[in-house]
PDB file of N, CA and C in Angstrom:
ATOM      1  N   MET A   1      22.807  14.059 -58.655  1.00  0.00           N
ATOM      2  CA  MET A   1      22.536  13.721 -57.276  1.00  0.00           C
ATOM      3  C   MET A   1      23.396  14.567 -56.343  1.00  0.00           C
ATOM      4  N   ASP A   2      24.579  14.841 -56.766  1.00  0.00           N
ATOM      5  CA  ASP A   2      25.480  15.639 -55.960  1.00  0.00           C
ATOM      6  C   ASP A   2      24.936  17.051 -55.742  1.00  0.00           C
ATOM      7  N   SER A   3      24.346  17.620 -56.768  1.00  0.00           N
ATOM      8  CA  SER A   3      23.777  18.960 -56.638  1.00  0.00           C
ATOM      9  C   SER A   3      22.559  18.955 -55.720  1.00  0.00           C
ATOM     10  N   ARG A   4      21.802  17.884 -55.783  1.00  0.00           N
ATOM     11  CA  ARG A   4      20.609  17.772 -54.917  1.00  0.00           C
ATOM     12  C   ARG A   4      21.021  17.713 -53.440  1.00  0.00           C
ATOM     13  N   VAL A   5      22.069  16.983 -53.143  1.00  0.00           N
ATOM     14  CA  VAL A   5      22.561  16.872 -51.777  1.00  0.00           C
ATOM     15  C   VAL A   5      23.055  18.230 -51.300  1.00  0.00           C
ATOM     16  N   ARG A   6      23.789  18.953 -52.162  1.00  0.00           N
ATOM     17  CA  ARG A   6      24.273  20.276 -51.792  1.00  0.00           C
ATOM     18  C   ARG A   6      23.118  21.237 -51.540  1.00  0.00           C
ATOM     19  N   GLU A   7      22.076  21.106 -52.341  1.00  0.00           N
ATOM     20  CA  GLU A   7      20.914  21.986 -52.183  1.00  0.00           C
ATOM     21  C   GLU A   7      20.218  21.726 -50.838  1.00  0.00           C
ATOM     22  N   LEU A   8      20.044  20.452 -50.485  1.00  0.00           N
ATOM     23  CA  LEU A   8      19.405  20.114 -49.203  1.00  0.00           C
ATOM     24  C   LEU A   8      20.256  20.558 -48.028  1.00  0.00           C
ATOM     25  N   ARG A   9      21.585  20.397 -48.145  1.00  0.00           N
ATOM     26  CA  ARG A   9      22.467  20.850 -47.084  1.00  0.00           C
ATOM     27  C   ARG A   9      22.399  22.363 -46.925  1.00  0.00           C
ATOM     28  N   GLY A  10      22.323  23.055 -48.009  1.00  0.00           N
ATOM     29  CA  GLY A  10      22.237  24.510 -47.960  1.00  0.00           C
ATOM     30  C   GLY A  10      20.961  24.967 -47.286  1.00  0.00           C
ATOM     31  N   ARG A  11      19.860  24.302 -47.597  1.00  0.00           N
ATOM     32  CA  ARG A  11      18.593  24.642 -46.939  1.00  0.00           C
ATOM     33  C   ARG A  11      18.655  24.346 -45.434  1.00  0.00           C
ATOM     34  N   ALA A  12      19.265  23.239 -45.096  1.00  0.00           N
ATOM     35  CA  ALA A  12      19.361  22.865 -43.686  1.00  0.00           C
ATOM     36  C   ALA A  12      20.229  23.854 -42.918  1.00  0.00           C
ATOM     37  N   MET A  13      21.259  24.365 -43.547  1.00  0.00           N
ATOM     38  CA  MET A  13      22.138  25.307 -42.871  1.00  0.00           C
ATOM     39  C   MET A  13      21.460  26.651 -42.640  1.00  0.00           C
ATOM     40  N   ASN A  14      20.481  27.014 -43.457  1.00  0.00           N
ATOM     41  CA  ASN A  14      19.815  28.296 -43.318  1.00  0.00           C
ATOM     42  C   ASN A  14      18.674  28.270 -42.308  1.00  0.00           C
ATOM     43  N   LEU A  15      18.278  27.070 -41.857  1.00  0.00           N
ATOM     44  CA  LEU A  15      17.196  26.978 -40.885  1.00  0.00           C
ATOM     45  C   LEU A  15      17.673  27.504 -39.535  1.00  0.00           C
ATOM     46  N   PRO A  16      16.778  28.173 -38.797  1.00  0.00           N
ATOM     47  CA  PRO A  16      17.188  28.648 -37.474  1.00  0.00           C
ATOM     48  C   PRO A  16      17.391  27.464 -36.521  1.00  0.00           C
ATOM     49  N   ILE A  17      18.378  27.575 -35.665  1.00  0.00           N
ATOM     50  CA  ILE A  17      18.671  26.505 -34.706  1.00  0.00           C
ATOM     51  C   ILE A  17      17.716  26.666 -33.527  1.00  0.00           C
ATOM     52  N   ARG A  18      17.037  25.557 -33.182  1.00  0.00           N
ATOM     53  CA  ARG A  18      16.107  25.593 -32.047  1.00  0.00           C
ATOM     54  C   ARG A  18      16.867  25.602 -30.740  1.00  0.00           C
ATOM     55  N   SER A  19      16.378  26.378 -29.830  1.00  0.00           N
ATOM     56  CA  SER A  19      17.004  26.455 -28.524  1.00  0.00           C
ATOM     57  C   SER A  19      16.573  25.252 -27.688  1.00  0.00           C
ATOM     58  N   LYS A  20      17.506  24.649 -26.967  1.00  0.00           N
ATOM     59  CA  LYS A  20      17.197  23.504 -26.123  1.00  0.00           C
ATOM     60  C   LYS A  20      17.069  23.924 -24.668  1.00  0.00           C
ATOM     61  N   ARG A  21      16.913  25.193 -24.420  1.00  0.00           N
ATOM     62  CA  ARG A  21      16.766  25.688 -23.064  1.00  0.00           C
ATOM     63  C   ARG A  21      15.337  25.484 -22.576  1.00  0.00           C
ATOM     64  N   VAL A  22      15.204  25.271 -21.273  1.00  0.00           N
ATOM     65  CA  VAL A  22      13.886  25.125 -20.662  1.00  0.00           C
ATOM     66  C   VAL A  22      13.503  26.491 -20.096  1.00  0.00           C
ATOM     67  N   PRO A  23      12.295  26.955 -20.412  1.00  0.00           N
ATOM     68  CA  PRO A  23      11.895  28.270 -19.883  1.00  0.00           C
ATOM     69  C   PRO A  23      11.870  28.271 -18.357  1.00  0.00           C
ATOM     70  N   LEU A  24      12.161  29.432 -17.783  1.00  0.00           N
ATOM     71  CA  LEU A  24      12.231  29.580 -16.339  1.00  0.00           C
ATOM     72  C   LEU A  24      10.887  29.279 -15.680  1.00  0.00           C
ATOM     73  N   VAL A  25       9.799  29.601 -16.352  1.00  0.00           N
ATOM     74  CA  VAL A  25       8.466  29.338 -15.792  1.00  0.00           C
ATOM     75  C   VAL A  25       8.257  27.834 -15.621  1.00  0.00           C
ATOM     76  N   ASP A  26       8.694  27.035 -16.581  1.00  0.00           N
ATOM     77  CA  ASP A  26       8.555  25.582 -16.469  1.00  0.00           C
ATOM     78  C   ASP A  26       9.359  25.033 -15.290  1.00  0.00           C
ATOM     79  N   VAL A  27      10.548  25.569 -15.098  1.00  0.00           N
ATOM     80  CA  VAL A  27      11.384  25.126 -13.983  1.00  0.00           C
ATOM     81  C   VAL A  27      10.727  25.496 -12.653  1.00  0.00           C
ATOM     82  N   MET A  28      10.169  26.705 -12.569  1.00  0.00           N
ATOM     83  CA  MET A  28       9.525  27.139 -11.329  1.00  0.00           C
ATOM     84  C   MET A  28       8.291  26.286 -11.019  1.00  0.00           C
ATOM     85  N   ILE A  29       7.502  25.942 -12.030  1.00  0.00           N
ATOM     86  CA  ILE A  29       6.311  25.097 -11.820  1.00  0.00           C
ATOM     87  C   ILE A  29       6.744  23.708 -11.352  1.00  0.00           C
ATOM     88  N   ALA A  30       7.794  23.161 -11.960  1.00  0.00           N
ATOM     89  CA  ALA A  30       8.282  21.834 -11.556  1.00  0.00           C
ATOM     90  C   ALA A  30       8.765  21.852 -10.109  1.00  0.00           C
ATOM     91  N   LEU A  31       9.464  22.919  -9.713  1.00  0.00           N
ATOM     92  CA  LEU A  31       9.928  23.028  -8.329  1.00  0.00           C
ATOM     93  C   LEU A  31       8.767  23.186  -7.354  1.00  0.00           C
ATOM     94  N   LEU A  32       7.728  23.907  -7.759  1.00  0.00           N
ATOM     95  CA  LEU A  32       6.545  24.059  -6.907  1.00  0.00           C
ATOM     96  C   LEU A  32       5.849  22.719  -6.695  1.00  0.00           C
ATOM     97  N   VAL A  33       5.686  21.947  -7.765  1.00  0.00           N
ATOM     98  CA  VAL A  33       5.054  20.624  -7.653  1.00  0.00           C
ATOM     99  C   VAL A  33       5.896  19.711  -6.765  1.00  0.00           C
ATOM    100  N   LEU A  34       7.210  19.764  -6.927  1.00  0.00           N
ATOM    101  CA  LEU A  34       8.102  18.951  -6.100  1.00  0.00           C
ATOM    102  C   LEU A  34       8.014  19.352  -4.628  1.00  0.00           C
ATOM    103  N   ALA A  35       7.950  20.658  -4.358  1.00  0.00           N
ATOM    104  CA  ALA A  35       7.855  21.123  -2.973  1.00  0.00           C
ATOM    105  C   ALA A  35       6.548  20.668  -2.326  1.00  0.00           C
ATOM    106  N   ILE A  36       5.447  20.740  -3.056  1.00  0.00           N
ATOM    107  CA  ILE A  36       4.158  20.294  -2.516  1.00  0.00           C
ATOM    108  C   ILE A  36       4.192  18.797  -2.236  1.00  0.00           C
ATOM    109  N   ALA A  37       4.772  18.024  -3.155  1.00  0.00           N
ATOM    110  CA  ALA A  37       4.863  16.570  -2.955  1.00  0.00           C
ATOM    111  C   ALA A  37       5.700  16.240  -1.722  1.00  0.00           C
ATOM    112  N   LEU A  38       6.795  16.955  -1.523  1.00  0.00           N
ATOM    113  CA  LEU A  38       7.638  16.698  -0.356  1.00  0.00           C
ATOM    114  C   LEU A  38       6.931  17.068   0.947  1.00  0.00           C
ATOM    115  N   LEU A  39       6.146  18.136   0.928  1.00  0.00           N
ATOM    116  CA  LEU A  39       5.384  18.500   2.125  1.00  0.00           C
ATOM    117  C   LEU A  39       4.344  17.439   2.468  1.00  0.00           C
ATOM    118  N   VAL A  40       3.694  16.903   1.452  1.00  0.00           N
ATOM    119  CA  VAL A  40       2.696  15.849   1.688  1.00  0.00           C
ATOM    120  C   VAL A  40       3.371  14.610   2.258  1.00  0.00           C
ATOM    121  N   LEU A  41       4.507  14.229   1.689  1.00  0.00           N
ATOM    122  CA  LEU A  41       5.224  13.049   2.188  1.00  0.00           C
ATOM    123  C   LEU A  41       5.715  13.260   3.619  1.00  0.00           C
ATOM    124  N   GLU A  42       6.128  14.480   3.947  1.00  0.00           N
ATOM    125  CA  GLU A  42       6.575  14.762   5.306  1.00  0.00           C
ATOM    126  C   GLU A  42       5.427  14.594   6.292  1.00  0.00           C
ATOM    127  N   GLY A  43       4.237  15.056   5.920  1.00  0.00           N
ATOM    128  CA  GLY A  43       3.068  14.878   6.783  1.00  0.00           C
ATOM    129  C   GLY A  43       2.719  13.412   6.972  1.00  0.00           C
ATOM    130  N   LEU A  44       2.853  12.633   5.909  1.00  0.00           N
ATOM    131  CA  LEU A  44       2.572  11.197   6.015  1.00  0.00           C
ATOM    132  C   LEU A  44       3.592  10.506   6.915  1.00  0.00           C
ATOM    133  N   MET A  45       4.840  10.937   6.848  1.00  0.00           N
ATOM    134  CA  MET A  45       5.864  10.336   7.703  1.00  0.00           C
ATOM    135  C   MET A  45       5.561  10.586   9.174  1.00  0.00           C
ATOM    136  N   VAL A  46       5.138  11.818   9.505  1.00  0.00           N
ATOM    137  CA  VAL A  46       4.812  12.140  10.896  1.00  0.00           C
ATOM    138  C   VAL A  46       3.646  11.291  11.373  1.00  0.00           C
ATOM    139  N   THR A  47       2.596  11.182  10.543  1.00  0.00           N
ATOM    140  CA  THR A  47       1.425  10.387  10.917  1.00  0.00           C
ATOM    141  C   THR A  47       1.790   8.915  11.079  1.00  0.00           C
ATOM    142  N   THR A  48       2.588   8.384  10.172  1.00  0.00           N
ATOM    143  CA  THR A  48       2.980   6.975  10.248  1.00  0.00           C
ATOM    144  C   THR A  48       3.800   6.701  11.506  1.00  0.00           C
ATOM    145  N   THR A  49       4.718   7.582  11.834  1.00  0.00           N
ATOM    146  CA  THR A  49       5.538   7.401  13.037  1.00  0.00           C
ATOM    147  C   THR A  49       4.676   7.456  14.288  1.00  0.00           C
ATOM    148  N   ARG A  50       3.739   8.403  14.335  1.00  0.00           N
ATOM    149  CA  ARG A  50       2.863   8.528  15.494  1.00  0.00           C
ATOM    150  C   ARG A  50       1.995   7.276  15.653  1.00  0.00           C
ATOM    151  N   ASN A  51       1.415   6.786  14.557  1.00  0.00           N
ATOM    152  CA  ASN A  51       0.558   5.594  14.638  1.00  0.00           C
ATOM    153  C   ASN A  51       1.362   4.352  15.029  1.00  0.00           C
ATOM    154  N   SER A  52       2.576   4.245  14.540  1.00  0.00           N
ATOM    155  CA  SER A  52       3.422   3.101  14.891  1.00  0.00           C
ATOM    156  C   SER A  52       3.756   3.129  16.380  1.00  0.00           C
ATOM    157  N   SER A  53       4.066   4.291  16.887  1.00  0.00           N
ATOM    158  CA  SER A  53       4.384   4.423  18.311  1.00  0.00           C
ATOM    159  C   SER A  53       3.165   4.106  19.171  1.00  0.00           C
ATOM    160  N   LEU A  54       2.006   4.612  18.763  1.00  0.00           N
ATOM    161  CA  LEU A  54       0.775   4.350  19.512  1.00  0.00           C
ATOM    162  C   LEU A  54       0.444   2.856  19.509  1.00  0.00           C
ATOM    163  N   GLY A  55       0.633   2.200  18.368  1.00  0.00           N
ATOM    164  CA  GLY A  55       0.374   0.761  18.296  1.00  0.00           C
ATOM    165  C   GLY A  55       1.281  -0.025  19.221  1.00  0.00           C
ATOM    166  N   GLY A  56       2.546   0.387  19.311  1.00  0.00           N
ATOM    167  CA  GLY A  56       3.473  -0.289  20.227  1.00  0.00           C
ATOM    168  C   GLY A  56       3.061  -0.110  21.674  1.00  0.00           C
ATOM    169  N   HIS A  57       2.617   1.109  22.037  1.00  0.00           N
ATOM    170  CA  HIS A  57       2.175   1.353  23.415  1.00  0.00           C
ATOM    171  C   HIS A  57       0.923   0.547  23.744  1.00  0.00           C
ATOM    172  N   MET A  58      -0.002   0.448  22.768  1.00  0.00           N
ATOM    173  CA  MET A  58      -1.230  -0.312  23.026  1.00  0.00           C
ATOM    174  C   MET A  58      -0.926  -1.795  23.188  1.00  0.00           C
ATOM    175  N   THR A  59      -0.008  -2.313  22.391  1.00  0.00           N
ATOM    176  CA  THR A  59       0.369  -3.725  22.521  1.00  0.00           C
ATOM    177  C   THR A  59       1.023  -3.981  23.868  1.00  0.00           C
ATOM    178  N   GLU A  60       1.874  -3.072  24.295  1.00  0.00           N
ATOM    179  CA  GLU A  60       2.525  -3.228  25.598  1.00  0.00           C
ATOM    180  C   GLU A  60       1.505  -3.164  26.733  1.00  0.00           C
ATOM    181  N   ALA A  61       0.547  -2.244  26.645  1.00  0.00           N
ATOM    182  CA  ALA A  61      -0.480  -2.129  27.682  1.00  0.00           C
ATOM    183  C   ALA A  61      -1.363  -3.372  27.727  1.00  0.00           C
ATOM    184  N   ARG A  62      -1.697  -3.904  26.574  1.00  0.00           N
ATOM    185  CA  ARG A  62      -2.524  -5.109  26.536  1.00  0.00           C
ATOM    186  C   ARG A  62      -1.781  -6.271  27.174  1.00  0.00           C
ATOM    187  N   GLY A  63      -0.461  -6.355  26.893  1.00  0.00           N
ATOM    188  CA  GLY A  63       0.335  -7.427  27.495  1.00  0.00           C
ATOM    189  C   GLY A  63       0.425  -7.279  29.000  1.00  0.00           C
ATOM    190  N   LEU A  64       0.589  -6.045  29.473  1.00  0.00           N
ATOM    191  CA  LEU A  64       0.647  -5.826  30.921  1.00  0.00           C
ATOM    192  C   LEU A  64      -0.697  -6.140  31.568  1.00  0.00           C
ATOM    193  N   GLY A  65      -1.788  -5.803  30.885  1.00  0.00           N
ATOM    194  CA  GLY A  65      -3.119  -6.069  31.431  1.00  0.00           C
ATOM    195  C   GLY A  65      -3.413  -7.548  31.548  1.00  0.00           C
ATOM    196  N   THR A  66      -3.053  -8.313  30.545  1.00  0.00           N
ATOM    197  CA  THR A  66      -3.325  -9.749  30.619  1.00  0.00           C
ATOM    198  C   THR A  66      -2.384 -10.438  31.600  1.00  0.00           C
ATOM    199  N   ASN A  67      -1.219  -9.875  31.836  1.00  0.00           N
ATOM    200  CA  ASN A  67      -0.319 -10.465  32.833  1.00  0.00           C
ATOM    201  C   ASN A  67      -0.754 -10.115  34.249  1.00  0.00           C
ATOM    202  N   ALA A  68      -1.405  -8.978  34.445  1.00  0.00           N
ATOM    203  CA  ALA A  68      -1.810  -8.549  35.783  1.00  0.00           C
ATOM    204  C   ALA A  68      -3.032  -9.310  36.261  1.00  0.00           C
ATOM    205  N   VAL A  69      -3.885  -9.744  35.357  1.00  0.00           N
ATOM    206  CA  VAL A  69      -5.114 -10.444  35.740  1.00  0.00           C
ATOM    207  C   VAL A  69      -4.943 -11.923  35.412  1.00  0.00           C
ATOM    208  N   PRO A  70      -5.000 -12.784  36.422  1.00  0.00           N
ATOM    209  CA  PRO A  70      -4.916 -14.219  36.124  1.00  0.00           C
ATOM    210  C   PRO A  70      -6.213 -14.692  35.465  1.00  0.00           C
ATOM    211  N   PHE A  71      -6.102 -15.599  34.548  1.00  0.00           N
ATOM    212  CA  PHE A  71      -7.290 -16.078  33.864  1.00  0.00           C
ATOM    213  C   PHE A  71      -7.114 -17.536  33.457  1.00  0.00           C
ATOM    214  N   LEU A  72      -8.203 -18.160  33.251  1.00  0.00           N
ATOM    215  CA  LEU A  72      -8.262 -19.503  32.675  1.00  0.00           C
ATOM    216  C   LEU A  72      -8.799 -19.373  31.264  1.00  0.00           C
ATOM    217  N   TYR A  73      -8.609 -20.387  30.496  1.00  0.00           N
ATOM    218  CA  TYR A  73      -9.189 -20.316  29.164  1.00  0.00           C
ATOM    219  C   TYR A  73      -9.743 -21.678  28.774  1.00  0.00           C
ATOM    220  N   ASN A  74     -10.810 -21.626  28.040  1.00  0.00           N
ATOM    221  CA  ASN A  74     -11.417 -22.810  27.435  1.00  0.00           C
ATOM    222  C   ASN A  74     -11.350 -22.625  25.931  1.00  0.00           C
ATOM    223  N   TYR A  75     -11.176 -23.709  25.238  1.00  0.00           N
ATOM    224  CA  TYR A  75     -11.233 -23.573  23.783  1.00  0.00           C
ATOM    225  C   TYR A  75     -12.127 -24.665  23.216  1.00  0.00           C
ATOM    226  N   TYR A  76     -12.742 -24.308  22.127  1.00  0.00           N
ATOM    227  CA  TYR A  76     -13.677 -25.209  21.451  1.00  0.00           C
ATOM    228  C   TYR A  76     -13.274 -25.275  19.989  1.00  0.00           C
ATOM    229  N   ILE A  77     -13.431 -26.430  19.414  1.00  0.00           N
ATOM    230  CA  ILE A  77     -13.196 -26.581  17.978  1.00  0.00           C
ATOM    231  C   ILE A  77     -14.555 -26.808  17.330  1.00  0.00           C
ATOM    232  N   VAL A  78     -14.901 -25.906  16.427  1.00  0.00           N
ATOM    233  CA  VAL A  78     -16.187 -25.964  15.747  1.00  0.00           C
ATOM    234  C   VAL A  78     -15.927 -26.406  14.317  1.00  0.00           C
ATOM    235  N   GLY A  79     -16.620 -27.428  13.895  1.00  0.00           N
ATOM    236  CA  GLY A  79     -16.464 -27.927  12.537  1.00  0.00           C
ATOM    237  C   GLY A  79     -17.751 -27.804  11.756  1.00  0.00           C
ATOM    238  N   SER A  80     -17.617 -27.594  10.474  1.00  0.00           N
ATOM    239  CA  SER A  80     -18.787 -27.469   9.607  1.00  0.00           C
ATOM    240  C   SER A  80     -18.436 -28.041   8.244  1.00  0.00           C
ATOM    241  N   ILE A  81     -19.359 -28.817   7.679  1.00  0.00           N
ATOM    242  CA  ILE A  81     -19.158 -29.410   6.358  1.00  0.00           C
ATOM    243  C   ILE A  81     -20.307 -28.950   5.464  1.00  0.00           C
ATOM    244  N   GLY A  82     -19.954 -28.469   4.295  1.00  0.00           N
ATOM    245  CA  GLY A  82     -20.981 -28.009   3.359  1.00  0.00           C
ATOM    246  C   GLY A  82     -20.830 -28.686   2.015  1.00  0.00           C
ATOM    247  N   GLN A  83     -21.950 -28.776   1.285  1.00  0.00           N
ATOM    248  CA  GLN A  83     -21.959 -29.357  -0.058  1.00  0.00           C
ATOM    249  C   GLN A  83     -22.698 -28.422  -1.002  1.00  0.00           C
ATOM    250  N   ASP A  84     -22.494 -28.633  -2.296  1.00  0.00           N
ATOM    251  CA  ASP A  84     -23.228 -27.843  -3.286  1.00  0.00           C
ATOM    252  C   ASP A  84     -24.720 -28.071  -3.126  1.00  0.00           C
ATOM    253  N   GLN A  85     -25.478 -27.013  -3.258  1.00  0.00           N
ATOM    254  CA  GLN A  85     -26.929 -27.139  -3.158  1.00  0.00           C
ATOM    255  C   GLN A  85     -27.597 -27.156  -4.518  1.00  0.00           C
ATOM    256  N   MET A  86     -26.891 -26.820  -5.560  1.00  0.00           N
ATOM    257  CA  MET A  86     -27.454 -26.821  -6.902  1.00  0.00           C
ATOM    258  C   MET A  86     -26.678 -27.792  -7.768  1.00  0.00           C
ATOM    259  N   ASP A  87     -27.363 -28.486  -8.633  1.00  0.00           N
ATOM    260  CA  ASP A  87     -26.730 -29.473  -9.505  1.00  0.00           C
ATOM    261  C   ASP A  87     -26.473 -28.862 -10.877  1.00  0.00           C
ATOM    262  N   PHE A  88     -25.438 -28.061 -10.988  1.00  0.00           N
ATOM    263  CA  PHE A  88     -25.094 -27.473 -12.278  1.00  0.00           C
ATOM    264  C   PHE A  88     -24.048 -28.288 -13.014  1.00  0.00           C
ATOM    265  N   SER A  89     -23.294 -29.077 -12.295  1.00  0.00           N
ATOM    266  CA  SER A  89     -22.240 -29.848 -12.951  1.00  0.00           C
ATOM    267  C   SER A  89     -22.262 -31.273 -12.432  1.00  0.00           C
ATOM    268  N   LEU A  90     -21.500 -32.118 -13.084  1.00  0.00           N
ATOM    269  CA  LEU A  90     -21.429 -33.515 -12.679  1.00  0.00           C
ATOM    270  C   LEU A  90     -20.567 -33.698 -11.430  1.00  0.00           C
ATOM    271  N   VAL A  91     -19.629 -32.778 -11.215  1.00  0.00           N
ATOM    272  CA  VAL A  91     -18.731 -32.879 -10.072  1.00  0.00           C
ATOM    273  C   VAL A  91     -19.284 -32.017  -8.942  1.00  0.00           C
ATOM    274  N   ARG A  92     -19.506 -32.634  -7.811  1.00  0.00           N
ATOM    275  CA  ARG A  92     -20.014 -31.897  -6.651  1.00  0.00           C
ATOM    276  C   ARG A  92     -18.841 -31.589  -5.732  1.00  0.00           C
ATOM    277  N   SER A  93     -18.891 -30.453  -5.117  1.00  0.00           N
ATOM    278  CA  SER A  93     -17.786 -30.069  -4.233  1.00  0.00           C
ATOM    279  C   SER A  93     -18.246 -30.068  -2.787  1.00  0.00           C
ATOM    280  N   ASN A  94     -17.315 -30.369  -1.905  1.00  0.00           N
ATOM    281  CA  ASN A  94     -17.534 -30.341  -0.463  1.00  0.00           C
ATOM    282  C   ASN A  94     -16.571 -29.339   0.153  1.00  0.00           C
ATOM    283  N   CYS A  95     -16.984 -28.766   1.252  1.00  0.00           N
ATOM    284  CA  CYS A  95     -16.134 -27.803   1.951  1.00  0.00           C
ATOM    285  C   CYS A  95     -16.193 -28.106   3.435  1.00  0.00           C
ATOM    286  N   GLU A  96     -15.027 -28.170   4.059  1.00  0.00           N
ATOM    287  CA  GLU A  96     -14.981 -28.407   5.495  1.00  0.00           C
ATOM    288  C   GLU A  96     -14.245 -27.236   6.157  1.00  0.00           C
ATOM    289  N   VAL A  97     -14.870 -26.670   7.180  1.00  0.00           N
ATOM    290  CA  VAL A  97     -14.295 -25.542   7.901  1.00  0.00           C
ATOM    291  C   VAL A  97     -14.152 -25.938   9.357  1.00  0.00           C
ATOM    292  N   ARG A  98     -12.950 -25.715   9.906  1.00  0.00           N
ATOM    293  CA  ARG A  98     -12.724 -25.970  11.332  1.00  0.00           C
ATOM    294  C   ARG A  98     -12.172 -24.696  11.938  1.00  0.00           C
ATOM    295  N   GLU A  99     -12.750 -24.271  13.050  1.00  0.00           N
ATOM    296  CA  GLU A  99     -12.312 -23.067  13.736  1.00  0.00           C
ATOM    297  C   GLU A  99     -12.051 -23.379  15.199  1.00  0.00           C
ATOM    298  N   LYS A 100     -11.052 -22.713  15.738  1.00  0.00           N
ATOM    299  CA  LYS A 100     -10.762 -22.854  17.164  1.00  0.00           C
ATOM    300  C   LYS A 100     -11.217 -21.557  17.837  1.00  0.00           C
ATOM    301  N   ILE A 101     -12.109 -21.674  18.795  1.00  0.00           N
ATOM    302  CA  ILE A 101     -12.634 -20.534  19.523  1.00  0.00           C
ATOM    303  C   ILE A 101     -12.097 -20.604  20.943  1.00  0.00           C
ATOM    304  N   VAL A 102     -11.467 -19.512  21.377  1.00  0.00           N
ATOM    305  CA  VAL A 102     -10.883 -19.450  22.711  1.00  0.00           C
ATOM    306  C   VAL A 102     -11.708 -18.499  23.559  1.00  0.00           C
ATOM    307  N   ARG A 103     -12.036 -18.926  24.761  1.00  0.00           N
ATOM    308  CA  ARG A 103     -12.795 -18.094  25.707  1.00  0.00           C
ATOM    309  C   ARG A 103     -11.924 -17.862  26.919  1.00  0.00           C
ATOM    310  N   LEU A 104     -11.623 -16.594  27.200  1.00  0.00           N
ATOM    311  CA  LEU A 104     -10.806 -16.226  28.372  1.00  0.00           C
ATOM    312  C   LEU A 104     -11.742 -15.982  29.557  1.00  0.00           C
ATOM    313  N   ILE A 105     -11.399 -16.569  30.702  1.00  0.00           N
ATOM    314  CA  ILE A 105     -12.215 -16.437  31.911  1.00  0.00           C
ATOM    315  C   ILE A 105     -11.335 -15.857  33.007  1.00  0.00           C
ATOM    316  N   PRO A 106     -11.543 -14.583  33.397  1.00  0.00           N
ATOM    317  CA  PRO A 106     -10.747 -14.017  34.497  1.00  0.00           C
ATOM    318  C   PRO A 106     -11.086 -14.730  35.818  1.00  0.00           C
ATOM    319  N   THR A 107     -10.056 -15.057  36.576  1.00  0.00           N
ATOM    320  CA  THR A 107     -10.292 -15.768  37.842  1.00  0.00           C
ATOM    321  C   THR A 107     -10.476 -14.809  39.014  1.00  0.00           C
ATOM    322  N   GLY A 108     -10.009 -13.563  38.912  1.00  0.00           N
ATOM    323  CA  GLY A 108     -10.248 -12.566  39.938  1.00  0.00           C
ATOM    324  C   GLY A 108      -9.231 -12.531  41.049  1.00  0.00           C
ATOM    325  N   SER A 109      -8.363 -13.503  41.171  1.00  0.00           N
ATOM    326  CA  SER A 109      -7.378 -13.423  42.253  1.00  0.00           C
ATOM    327  C   SER A 109      -5.999 -13.717  41.739  1.00  0.00           C
TER     328      SER A 109
END
């Protein structure tokens, strides 16, 4: 057994050592992919910031508009009850929906 171990060790020592280096082409491709991804993210950041700013301005304008015009409002509560229309099971289900509808009425003065 001792000779067998020495023989295997000898064979292992004669094998060429594999290089653990990464080829330069692989590094360049990885950097190119990273650069493209960063450019895309930068464009998304600009668009997101612009849309957020625009949304804030629109909300502010809507608030100023509703404050400038006096209005009254009416609201209605609409209710609806539904039941199963087909008898597939022994247990029947009911559904009740209630909605509040608001109607804004500008008074003009």
